Structure formats: structure tokens, C-alpha cells
Amino acid sequence: MEEQQNNNQLNIELSEEVAEGIYSNLAIITHSNSEFVVDFIRMMPGIPKAKVKSRIVLTPQHAKRLMKALKDNIGKFEQVHGTIKDTDMPTGLPMNFGGPTAQA
């Protein structure tokens, strides 16, 4: 007997290149009235120049879902591993790329 595939199931493909991931130790977030832009950056010690390694553009609704999912996952992580210590951000970082920004 053949199983019927659930129509609500999403088949997600992950290439080997994307599966390796990209390391980021700074995120700069900007937004307009219709989208959020998250730039993931890798800063290296002693090097005054940093490159954006990946940019993700989200609708406001997806940005809010991401925030809720991160909050939930951080809570689960901290239950197992303890509180994540918040460290000070390095000084001298650009605070504005032409729109409202936040850093993470």
C-alpha cells in the first residue's frame, strides 16, 4: 500500500555548500516599511575592515517569526547549557547605513 504524502509537508533541499554555513560574529539589521535586511558580517581581530558575508531580506512578518523562533531556541539552549553571557560590542562600528539599524 502506498503512503499518501501530506500536502502540508515541505521538502527542503540543502546543498553541500550551504550546509557548511558561513561564520558571522556581527549582524547589522536595517528596515524599511516593507522589509527587514539582515547583514551577517565577519570581523577579524586587528583588522579594521570587515565584509558582509551574507544578506537576508525578510518581510516584517517573517522577521517577527524569526525573532520568536530565536527567542524560543535561546530559551531551550539556556535551559540545557546555562545563561548565555552578553558581551560588550566593539566600539567604532558604523551605526547607520541609511536607515534604522540594530546590531546583534
PDB file of N, CA and C in Angstrom:
ATOM      1  N   MET A   1       0.842  -1.177   0.000  1.00  0.00           N
ATOM      2  CA  MET A   1       0.000   0.000   0.000  1.00  0.00           C
ATOM      3  C   MET A   1       0.893   1.248   0.000  1.00  0.00           C
ATOM      4  N   GLU A   2       0.611   2.180  -0.895  1.00  0.00           N
ATOM      5  CA  GLU A   2       1.397   3.408  -0.981  1.00  0.00           C
ATOM      6  C   GLU A   2       0.922   4.424   0.041  1.00  0.00           C
ATOM      7  N   GLU A   3       1.889   5.093   0.686  1.00  0.00           N
ATOM      8  CA  GLU A   3       1.525   6.149   1.616  1.00  0.00           C
ATOM      9  C   GLU A   3       1.275   7.429   0.844  1.00  0.00           C
ATOM     10  N   GLN A   4       0.232   8.168   1.249  1.00  0.00           N
ATOM     11  CA  GLN A   4      -0.041   9.456   0.630  1.00  0.00           C
ATOM     12  C   GLN A   4       0.804  10.515   1.310  1.00  0.00           C
ATOM     13  N   GLN A   5       1.419  11.382   0.508  1.00  0.00           N
ATOM     14  CA  GLN A   5       2.246  12.455   1.064  1.00  0.00           C
ATOM     15  C   GLN A   5       1.331  13.568   1.554  1.00  0.00           C
ATOM     16  N   ASN A   6       1.645  14.056   2.754  1.00  0.00           N
ATOM     17  CA  ASN A   6       0.894  15.149   3.344  1.00  0.00           C
ATOM     18  C   ASN A   6       1.094  16.396   2.492  1.00  0.00           C
ATOM     19  N   ASN A   7      -0.007  17.023   2.044  1.00  0.00           N
ATOM     20  CA  ASN A   7       0.082  18.213   1.200  1.00  0.00           C
ATOM     21  C   ASN A   7       0.690  19.396   1.930  1.00  0.00           C
ATOM     22  N   ASN A   8       0.691  19.404   3.264  1.00  0.00           N
ATOM     23  CA  ASN A   8       1.261  20.492   4.032  1.00  0.00           C
ATOM     24  C   ASN A   8       2.750  20.292   4.306  1.00  0.00           C
ATOM     25  N   GLN A   9       3.313  19.189   3.866  1.00  0.00           N
ATOM     26  CA  GLN A   9       4.723  18.888   4.105  1.00  0.00           C
ATOM     27  C   GLN A   9       5.585  19.658   3.114  1.00  0.00           C
ATOM     28  N   LEU A  10       6.664  20.238   3.609  1.00  0.00           N
ATOM     29  CA  LEU A  10       7.584  20.994   2.771  1.00  0.00           C
ATOM     30  C   LEU A  10       8.875  20.214   2.631  1.00  0.00           C
ATOM     31  N   ASN A  11       9.277  19.984   1.404  1.00  0.00           N
ATOM     32  CA  ASN A  11      10.519  19.287   1.128  1.00  0.00           C
ATOM     33  C   ASN A  11      11.616  20.336   0.962  1.00  0.00           C
ATOM     34  N   ILE A  12      12.561  20.377   1.886  1.00  0.00           N
ATOM     35  CA  ILE A  12      13.620  21.377   1.869  1.00  0.00           C
ATOM     36  C   ILE A  12      14.925  20.724   1.443  1.00  0.00           C
ATOM     37  N   GLU A  13      15.569  21.305   0.436  1.00  0.00           N
ATOM     38  CA  GLU A  13      16.851  20.797  -0.036  1.00  0.00           C
ATOM     39  C   GLU A  13      17.967  21.666   0.515  1.00  0.00           C
ATOM     40  N   LEU A  14      19.067  21.047   0.886  1.00  0.00           N
ATOM     41  CA  LEU A  14      20.220  21.748   1.437  1.00  0.00           C
ATOM     42  C   LEU A  14      21.467  21.277   0.691  1.00  0.00           C
ATOM     43  N   SER A  15      22.059  22.172  -0.111  1.00  0.00           N
ATOM     44  CA  SER A  15      23.255  21.800  -0.861  1.00  0.00           C
ATOM     45  C   SER A  15      24.429  21.668   0.098  1.00  0.00           C
ATOM     46  N   GLU A  16      25.476  20.970  -0.348  1.00  0.00           N
ATOM     47  CA  GLU A  16      26.666  20.797   0.489  1.00  0.00           C
ATOM     48  C   GLU A  16      27.304  22.139   0.816  1.00  0.00           C
ATOM     49  N   GLU A  17      27.353  23.036  -0.168  1.00  0.00           N
ATOM     50  CA  GLU A  17      27.968  24.347   0.038  1.00  0.00           C
ATOM     51  C   GLU A  17      27.221  25.149   1.112  1.00  0.00           C
ATOM     52  N   VAL A  18      25.899  25.161   1.038  1.00  0.00           N
ATOM     53  CA  VAL A  18      25.110  25.907   2.018  1.00  0.00           C
ATOM     54  C   VAL A  18      25.166  25.218   3.380  1.00  0.00           C
ATOM     55  N   ALA A  19      25.232  23.901   3.389  1.00  0.00           N
ATOM     56  CA  ALA A  19      25.273  23.144   4.645  1.00  0.00           C
ATOM     57  C   ALA A  19      26.523  23.462   5.453  1.00  0.00           C
ATOM     58  N   GLU A  20      27.602  23.867   4.798  1.00  0.00           N
ATOM     59  CA  GLU A  20      28.829  24.225   5.512  1.00  0.00           C
ATOM     60  C   GLU A  20      28.634  25.466   6.360  1.00  0.00           C
ATOM     61  N   GLY A  21      27.724  26.339   5.976  1.00  0.00           N
ATOM     62  CA  GLY A  21      27.441  27.548   6.729  1.00  0.00           C
ATOM     63  C   GLY A  21      28.488  28.626   6.507  1.00  0.00           C
ATOM     64  N   ILE A  22      28.179  29.819   7.003  1.00  0.00           N
ATOM     65  CA  ILE A  22      29.089  30.952   6.927  1.00  0.00           C
ATOM     66  C   ILE A  22      29.195  31.522   8.327  1.00  0.00           C
ATOM     67  N   TYR A  23      30.420  31.643   8.846  1.00  0.00           N
ATOM     68  CA  TYR A  23      30.624  32.174  10.191  1.00  0.00           C
ATOM     69  C   TYR A  23      30.396  33.681  10.194  1.00  0.00           C
ATOM     70  N   SER A  24      29.672  34.154  11.200  1.00  0.00           N
ATOM     71  CA  SER A  24      29.422  35.577  11.380  1.00  0.00           C
ATOM     72  C   SER A  24      29.512  35.898  12.861  1.00  0.00           C
ATOM     73  N   ASN A  25      30.158  37.019  13.199  1.00  0.00           N
ATOM     74  CA  ASN A  25      30.197  37.442  14.593  1.00  0.00           C
ATOM     75  C   ASN A  25      29.623  38.843  14.772  1.00  0.00           C
ATOM     76  N   LEU A  26      28.905  39.314  13.754  1.00  0.00           N
ATOM     77  CA  LEU A  26      28.192  40.588  13.833  1.00  0.00           C
ATOM     78  C   LEU A  26      27.040  40.558  12.845  1.00  0.00           C
ATOM     79  N   ALA A  27      25.894  41.044  13.275  1.00  0.00           N
ATOM     80  CA  ALA A  27      24.756  41.204  12.374  1.00  0.00           C
ATOM     81  C   ALA A  27      24.275  42.640  12.493  1.00  0.00           C
ATOM     82  N   ILE A  28      24.061  43.266  11.353  1.00  0.00           N
ATOM     83  CA  ILE A  28      23.507  44.610  11.327  1.00  0.00           C
ATOM     84  C   ILE A  28      22.156  44.529  10.634  1.00  0.00           C
ATOM     85  N   ILE A  29      21.149  45.081  11.292  1.00  0.00           N
ATOM     86  CA  ILE A  29      19.775  44.974  10.815  1.00  0.00           C
ATOM     87  C   ILE A  29      19.264  46.356  10.442  1.00  0.00           C
ATOM     88  N   THR A  30      18.734  46.481   9.236  1.00  0.00           N
ATOM     89  CA  THR A  30      18.083  47.707   8.799  1.00  0.00           C
ATOM     90  C   THR A  30      16.679  47.341   8.336  1.00  0.00           C
ATOM     91  N   HIS A  31      15.819  48.344   8.264  1.00  0.00           N
ATOM     92  CA  HIS A  31      14.472  48.058   7.790  1.00  0.00           C
ATOM     93  C   HIS A  31      13.857  49.262   7.092  1.00  0.00           C
ATOM     94  N   SER A  32      12.902  48.945   6.233  1.00  0.00           N
ATOM     95  CA  SER A  32      12.068  49.954   5.585  1.00  0.00           C
ATOM     96  C   SER A  32      10.632  49.638   5.999  1.00  0.00           C
ATOM     97  N   ASN A  33       9.676  50.268   5.358  1.00  0.00           N
ATOM     98  CA  ASN A  33       8.288  49.968   5.712  1.00  0.00           C
ATOM     99  C   ASN A  33       7.828  48.620   5.182  1.00  0.00           C
ATOM    100  N   SER A  34       8.628  47.985   4.315  1.00  0.00           N
ATOM    101  CA  SER A  34       8.173  46.727   3.730  1.00  0.00           C
ATOM    102  C   SER A  34       9.122  45.544   3.901  1.00  0.00           C
ATOM    103  N   GLU A  35      10.332  45.789   4.432  1.00  0.00           N
ATOM    104  CA  GLU A  35      11.268  44.672   4.575  1.00  0.00           C
ATOM    105  C   GLU A  35      12.312  44.943   5.643  1.00  0.00           C
ATOM    106  N   PHE A  36      12.857  43.845   6.153  1.00  0.00           N
ATOM    107  CA  PHE A  36      13.993  43.876   7.071  1.00  0.00           C
ATOM    108  C   PHE A  36      15.179  43.293   6.318  1.00  0.00           C
ATOM    109  N   VAL A  37      16.347  43.911   6.486  1.00  0.00           N
ATOM    110  CA  VAL A  37      17.564  43.420   5.858  1.00  0.00           C
ATOM    111  C   VAL A  37      18.550  43.085   6.976  1.00  0.00           C
ATOM    112  N   VAL A  38      19.011  41.838   6.992  1.00  0.00           N
ATOM    113  CA  VAL A  38      19.979  41.404   7.994  1.00  0.00           C
ATOM    114  C   VAL A  38      21.282  41.091   7.266  1.00  0.00           C
ATOM    115  N   ASP A  39      22.315  41.891   7.571  1.00  0.00           N
ATOM    116  CA  ASP A  39      23.645  41.662   7.011  1.00  0.00           C
ATOM    117  C   ASP A  39      24.476  40.928   8.048  1.00  0.00           C
ATOM    118  N   PHE A  40      24.992  39.759   7.672  1.00  0.00           N
ATOM    119  CA  PHE A  40      25.856  38.971   8.545  1.00  0.00           C
ATOM    120  C   PHE A  40      27.298  39.252   8.154  1.00  0.00           C
ATOM    121  N   ILE A  41      28.097  39.665   9.141  1.00  0.00           N
ATOM    122  CA  ILE A  41      29.452  40.154   8.912  1.00  0.00           C
ATOM    123  C   ILE A  41      30.434  39.333   9.735  1.00  0.00           C
ATOM    124  N   ARG A  42      31.631  39.156   9.183  1.00  0.00           N
ATOM    125  CA  ARG A  42      32.713  38.504   9.931  1.00  0.00           C
ATOM    126  C   ARG A  42      33.791  39.549  10.194  1.00  0.00           C
ATOM    127  N   MET A  43      33.989  39.873  11.482  1.00  0.00           N
ATOM    128  CA  MET A  43      35.050  40.793  11.882  1.00  0.00           C
ATOM    129  C   MET A  43      36.222  39.967  12.384  1.00  0.00           C
ATOM    130  N   MET A  44      37.419  40.372  12.005  1.00  0.00           N
ATOM    131  CA  MET A  44      38.621  39.680  12.464  1.00  0.00           C
ATOM    132  C   MET A  44      39.398  40.602  13.391  1.00  0.00           C
ATOM    133  N   PRO A  45      39.986  40.077  14.462  1.00  0.00           N
ATOM    134  CA  PRO A  45      40.742  40.906  15.401  1.00  0.00           C
ATOM    135  C   PRO A  45      41.874  41.647  14.705  1.00  0.00           C
ATOM    136  N   GLY A  46      41.997  42.936  15.016  1.00  0.00           N
ATOM    137  CA  GLY A  46      43.091  43.735  14.491  1.00  0.00           C
ATOM    138  C   GLY A  46      42.942  44.176  13.049  1.00  0.00           C
ATOM    139  N   ILE A  47      41.857  43.804  12.402  1.00  0.00           N
ATOM    140  CA  ILE A  47      41.636  44.203  11.010  1.00  0.00           C
ATOM    141  C   ILE A  47      40.468  45.186  10.979  1.00  0.00           C
ATOM    142  N   PRO A  48      40.728  46.425  10.555  1.00  0.00           N
ATOM    143  CA  PRO A  48      39.696  47.449  10.628  1.00  0.00           C
ATOM    144  C   PRO A  48      38.605  47.334   9.564  1.00  0.00           C
ATOM    145  N   LYS A  49      38.771  46.428   8.616  1.00  0.00           N
ATOM    146  CA  LYS A  49      37.800  46.271   7.539  1.00  0.00           C
ATOM    147  C   LYS A  49      37.097  44.927   7.695  1.00  0.00           C
ATOM    148  N   ALA A  50      35.789  44.928   7.523  1.00  0.00           N
ATOM    149  CA  ALA A  50      35.020  43.689   7.617  1.00  0.00           C
ATOM    150  C   ALA A  50      34.087  43.604   6.416  1.00  0.00           C
ATOM    151  N   LYS A  51      33.811  42.391   5.965  1.00  0.00           N
ATOM    152  CA  LYS A  51      32.943  42.192   4.809  1.00  0.00           C
ATOM    153  C   LYS A  51      31.619  41.581   5.221  1.00  0.00           C
ATOM    154  N   VAL A  52      30.572  42.001   4.521  1.00  0.00           N
ATOM    155  CA  VAL A  52      29.283  41.335   4.653  1.00  0.00           C
ATOM    156  C   VAL A  52      29.431  39.985   3.970  1.00  0.00           C
ATOM    157  N   LYS A  53      29.162  38.923   4.715  1.00  0.00           N
ATOM    158  CA  LYS A  53      29.304  37.571   4.181  1.00  0.00           C
ATOM    159  C   LYS A  53      27.993  37.018   3.639  1.00  0.00           C
ATOM    160  N   SER A  54      26.875  37.553   4.166  1.00  0.00           N
ATOM    161  CA  SER A  54      25.576  37.088   3.713  1.00  0.00           C
ATOM    162  C   SER A  54      24.539  38.151   4.039  1.00  0.00           C
ATOM    163  N   ARG A  55      23.584  38.336   3.168  1.00  0.00           N
ATOM    164  CA  ARG A  55      22.482  39.279   3.395  1.00  0.00           C
ATOM    165  C   ARG A  55      21.167  38.517   3.240  1.00  0.00           C
ATOM    166  N   ILE A  56      20.305  38.666   4.228  1.00  0.00           N
ATOM    167  CA  ILE A  56      18.990  38.049   4.184  1.00  0.00           C
ATOM    168  C   ILE A  56      17.946  39.165   4.206  1.00  0.00           C
ATOM    169  N   VAL A  57      16.992  39.128   3.279  1.00  0.00           N
ATOM    170  CA  VAL A  57      15.919  40.106   3.212  1.00  0.00           C
ATOM    171  C   VAL A  57      14.625  39.397   3.607  1.00  0.00           C
ATOM    172  N   LEU A  58      13.920  39.972   4.580  1.00  0.00           N
ATOM    173  CA  LEU A  58      12.713  39.353   5.142  1.00  0.00           C
ATOM    174  C   LEU A  58      11.540  40.325   5.111  1.00  0.00           C
ATOM    175  N   THR A  59      10.345  39.781   4.991  1.00  0.00           N
ATOM    176  CA  THR A  59       9.164  40.610   5.207  1.00  0.00           C
ATOM    177  C   THR A  59       9.059  40.893   6.704  1.00  0.00           C
ATOM    178  N   PRO A  60       8.352  41.947   7.103  1.00  0.00           N
ATOM    179  CA  PRO A  60       8.179  42.199   8.542  1.00  0.00           C
ATOM    180  C   PRO A  60       7.573  40.996   9.273  1.00  0.00           C
ATOM    181  N   GLN A  61       6.660  40.296   8.636  1.00  0.00           N
ATOM    182  CA  GLN A  61       6.027  39.133   9.272  1.00  0.00           C
ATOM    183  C   GLN A  61       7.048  38.015   9.498  1.00  0.00           C
ATOM    184  N   HIS A  62       7.893  37.771   8.512  1.00  0.00           N
ATOM    185  CA  HIS A  62       8.907  36.730   8.671  1.00  0.00           C
ATOM    186  C   HIS A  62       9.974  37.147   9.687  1.00  0.00           C
ATOM    187  N   ALA A  63      10.299  38.437   9.725  1.00  0.00           N
ATOM    188  CA  ALA A  63      11.263  38.922  10.719  1.00  0.00           C
ATOM    189  C   ALA A  63      10.727  38.674  12.129  1.00  0.00           C
ATOM    190  N   LYS A  64       9.443  38.918  12.330  1.00  0.00           N
ATOM    191  CA  LYS A  64       8.857  38.700  13.653  1.00  0.00           C
ATOM    192  C   LYS A  64       8.831  37.211  13.999  1.00  0.00           C
ATOM    193  N   ARG A  65       8.523  36.361  13.012  1.00  0.00           N
ATOM    194  CA  ARG A  65       8.550  34.906  13.246  1.00  0.00           C
ATOM    195  C   ARG A  65       9.962  34.446  13.590  1.00  0.00           C
ATOM    196  N   LEU A  66      10.965  35.005  12.908  1.00  0.00           N
ATOM    197  CA  LEU A  66      12.358  34.665  13.195  1.00  0.00           C
ATOM    198  C   LEU A  66      12.716  35.074  14.617  1.00  0.00           C
ATOM    199  N   MET A  67      12.307  36.287  15.025  1.00  0.00           N
ATOM    200  CA  MET A  67      12.588  36.754  16.380  1.00  0.00           C
ATOM    201  C   MET A  67      11.978  35.802  17.419  1.00  0.00           C
ATOM    202  N   LYS A  68      10.736  35.386  17.195  1.00  0.00           N
ATOM    203  CA  LYS A  68      10.073  34.469  18.136  1.00  0.00           C
ATOM    204  C   LYS A  68      10.776  33.113  18.160  1.00  0.00           C
ATOM    205  N   ALA A  69      11.179  32.623  16.990  1.00  0.00           N
ATOM    206  CA  ALA A  69      11.862  31.327  16.918  1.00  0.00           C
ATOM    207  C   ALA A  69      13.222  31.392  17.607  1.00  0.00           C
ATOM    208  N   LEU A  70      13.960  32.495  17.412  1.00  0.00           N
ATOM    209  CA  LEU A  70      15.250  32.658  18.086  1.00  0.00           C
ATOM    210  C   LEU A  70      15.064  32.720  19.598  1.00  0.00           C
ATOM    211  N   LYS A  71      14.060  33.472  20.047  1.00  0.00           N
ATOM    212  CA  LYS A  71      13.792  33.581  21.485  1.00  0.00           C
ATOM    213  C   LYS A  71      13.494  32.202  22.075  1.00  0.00           C
ATOM    214  N   ASP A  72      12.673  31.431  21.387  1.00  0.00           N
ATOM    215  CA  ASP A  72      12.319  30.092  21.854  1.00  0.00           C
ATOM    216  C   ASP A  72      13.549  29.186  21.896  1.00  0.00           C
ATOM    217  N   ASN A  73      14.359  29.217  20.841  1.00  0.00           N
ATOM    218  CA  ASN A  73      15.546  28.366  20.782  1.00  0.00           C
ATOM    219  C   ASN A  73      16.609  28.781  21.781  1.00  0.00           C
ATOM    220  N   ILE A  74      16.775  30.080  22.011  1.00  0.00           N
ATOM    221  CA  ILE A  74      17.740  30.546  23.016  1.00  0.00           C
ATOM    222  C   ILE A  74      17.291  30.095  24.399  1.00  0.00           C
ATOM    223  N   GLY A  75      15.995  30.176  24.675  1.00  0.00           N
ATOM    224  CA  GLY A  75      15.473  29.696  25.955  1.00  0.00           C
ATOM    225  C   GLY A  75      15.761  28.218  26.161  1.00  0.00           C
ATOM    226  N   LYS A  76      15.548  27.405  25.132  1.00  0.00           N
ATOM    227  CA  LYS A  76      15.818  25.960  25.218  1.00  0.00           C
ATOM    228  C   LYS A  76      17.311  25.698  25.410  1.00  0.00           C
ATOM    229  N   PHE A  77      18.151  26.444  24.691  1.00  0.00           N
ATOM    230  CA  PHE A  77      19.600  26.300  24.814  1.00  0.00           C
ATOM    231  C   PHE A  77      20.037  26.614  26.245  1.00  0.00           C
ATOM    232  N   GLU A  78      19.536  27.728  26.796  1.00  0.00           N
ATOM    233  CA  GLU A  78      19.945  28.149  28.135  1.00  0.00           C
ATOM    234  C   GLU A  78      19.441  27.201  29.219  1.00  0.00           C
ATOM    235  N   GLN A  79      18.327  26.525  28.985  1.00  0.00           N
ATOM    236  CA  GLN A  79      17.858  25.525  29.951  1.00  0.00           C
ATOM    237  C   GLN A  79      18.858  24.384  30.074  1.00  0.00           C
ATOM    238  N   VAL A  80      19.497  24.048  28.972  1.00  0.00           N
ATOM    239  CA  VAL A  80      20.450  22.936  28.959  1.00  0.00           C
ATOM    240  C   VAL A  80      21.865  23.396  29.325  1.00  0.00           C
ATOM    241  N   HIS A  81      22.291  24.543  28.791  1.00  0.00           N
ATOM    242  CA  HIS A  81      23.689  24.962  28.891  1.00  0.00           C
ATOM    243  C   HIS A  81      23.933  26.144  29.828  1.00  0.00           C
ATOM    244  N   GLY A  82      22.892  26.710  30.396  1.00  0.00           N
ATOM    245  CA  GLY A  82      23.057  27.880  31.253  1.00  0.00           C
ATOM    246  C   GLY A  82      22.926  29.173  30.468  1.00  0.00           C
ATOM    247  N   THR A  83      22.879  30.260  31.192  1.00  0.00           N
ATOM    248  CA  THR A  83      22.672  31.575  30.594  1.00  0.00           C
ATOM    249  C   THR A  83      23.823  31.958  29.673  1.00  0.00           C
ATOM    250  N   ILE A  84      23.476  32.466  28.513  1.00  0.00           N
ATOM    251  CA  ILE A  84      24.469  32.969  27.572  1.00  0.00           C
ATOM    252  C   ILE A  84      24.899  34.344  28.080  1.00  0.00           C
ATOM    253  N   LYS A  85      26.199  34.526  28.230  1.00  0.00           N
ATOM    254  CA  LYS A  85      26.707  35.808  28.710  1.00  0.00           C
ATOM    255  C   LYS A  85      26.726  36.810  27.564  1.00  0.00           C
ATOM    256  N   ASP A  86      26.170  37.980  27.818  1.00  0.00           N
ATOM    257  CA  ASP A  86      26.154  39.049  26.830  1.00  0.00           C
ATOM    258  C   ASP A  86      27.448  39.836  26.949  1.00  0.00           C
ATOM    259  N   THR A  87      28.183  39.960  25.865  1.00  0.00           N
ATOM    260  CA  THR A  87      29.451  40.695  25.889  1.00  0.00           C
ATOM    261  C   THR A  87      29.265  42.063  25.258  1.00  0.00           C
ATOM    262  N   ASP A  88      30.148  42.994  25.600  1.00  0.00           N
ATOM    263  CA  ASP A  88      30.088  44.336  25.030  1.00  0.00           C
ATOM    264  C   ASP A  88      30.434  44.288  23.551  1.00  0.00           C
ATOM    265  N   MET A  89      29.757  45.145  22.798  1.00  0.00           N
ATOM    266  CA  MET A  89      30.052  45.279  21.376  1.00  0.00           C
ATOM    267  C   MET A  89      31.322  46.093  21.215  1.00  0.00           C
ATOM    268  N   PRO A  90      32.141  45.782  20.219  1.00  0.00           N
ATOM    269  CA  PRO A  90      33.322  46.599  19.951  1.00  0.00           C
ATOM    270  C   PRO A  90      32.910  48.022  19.580  1.00  0.00           C
ATOM    271  N   THR A  91      33.726  48.983  19.937  1.00  0.00           N
ATOM    272  CA  THR A  91      33.410  50.369  19.610  1.00  0.00           C
ATOM    273  C   THR A  91      33.880  50.690  18.204  1.00  0.00           C
ATOM    274  N   GLY A  92      33.368  51.784  17.679  1.00  0.00           N
ATOM    275  CA  GLY A  92      33.798  52.245  16.369  1.00  0.00           C
ATOM    276  C   GLY A  92      33.075  51.590  15.210  1.00  0.00           C
ATOM    277  N   LEU A  93      31.974  50.885  15.474  1.00  0.00           N
ATOM    278  CA  LEU A  93      31.229  50.264  14.389  1.00  0.00           C
ATOM    279  C   LEU A  93      30.254  51.272  13.793  1.00  0.00           C
ATOM    280  N   PRO A  94      30.029  51.215  12.488  1.00  0.00           N
ATOM    281  CA  PRO A  94      29.046  52.119  11.884  1.00  0.00           C
ATOM    282  C   PRO A  94      27.664  51.799  12.431  1.00  0.00           C
ATOM    283  N   MET A  95      26.934  52.833  12.756  1.00  0.00           N
ATOM    284  CA  MET A  95      25.613  52.639  13.340  1.00  0.00           C
ATOM    285  C   MET A  95      24.493  52.852  12.341  1.00  0.00           C
ATOM    286  N   ASN A  96      24.787  53.382  11.163  1.00  0.00           N
ATOM    287  CA  ASN A  96      23.701  53.701  10.242  1.00  0.00           C
ATOM    288  C   ASN A  96      24.171  53.533   8.804  1.00  0.00           C
ATOM    289  N   PHE A  97      23.434  52.738   8.036  1.00  0.00           N
ATOM    290  CA  PHE A  97      23.705  52.566   6.628  1.00  0.00           C
ATOM    291  C   PHE A  97      22.612  53.218   5.787  1.00  0.00           C
ATOM    292  N   GLY A  98      21.996  54.268   6.331  1.00  0.00           N
ATOM    293  CA  GLY A  98      20.963  54.962   5.570  1.00  0.00           C
ATOM    294  C   GLY A  98      19.560  54.667   6.047  1.00  0.00           C
ATOM    295  N   GLY A  99      19.396  53.853   7.057  1.00  0.00           N
ATOM    296  CA  GLY A  99      18.070  53.550   7.583  1.00  0.00           C
ATOM    297  C   GLY A  99      18.185  53.155   9.021  1.00  0.00           C
ATOM    298  N   PRO A 100      17.062  52.863   9.672  1.00  0.00           N
ATOM    299  CA  PRO A 100      17.117  52.421  11.066  1.00  0.00           C
ATOM    300  C   PRO A 100      17.911  51.132  11.181  1.00  0.00           C
ATOM    301  N   THR A 101      18.772  51.056  12.218  1.00  0.00           N
ATOM    302  CA  THR A 101      19.613  49.870  12.355  1.00  0.00           C
ATOM    303  C   THR A 101      19.595  49.341  13.782  1.00  0.00           C
ATOM    304  N   ALA A 102      19.960  48.096  13.903  1.00  0.00           N
ATOM    305  CA  ALA A 102      20.189  47.457  15.178  1.00  0.00           C
ATOM    306  C   ALA A 102      21.317  46.472  14.967  1.00  0.00           C
ATOM    307  N   GLN A 103      22.032  46.117  16.029  1.00  0.00           N
ATOM    308  CA  GLN A 103      23.124  45.157  15.898  1.00  0.00           C
ATOM    309  C   GLN A 103      22.872  43.967  16.786  1.00  0.00           C
ATOM    310  N   ALA A 104      23.324  42.820  16.340  1.00  0.00           N
ATOM    311  CA  ALA A 104      23.192  41.606  17.134  1.00  0.00           C
ATOM    312  C   ALA A 104      24.459  40.800  16.992  1.00  0.00           C
TER     313      ALA A 104
END
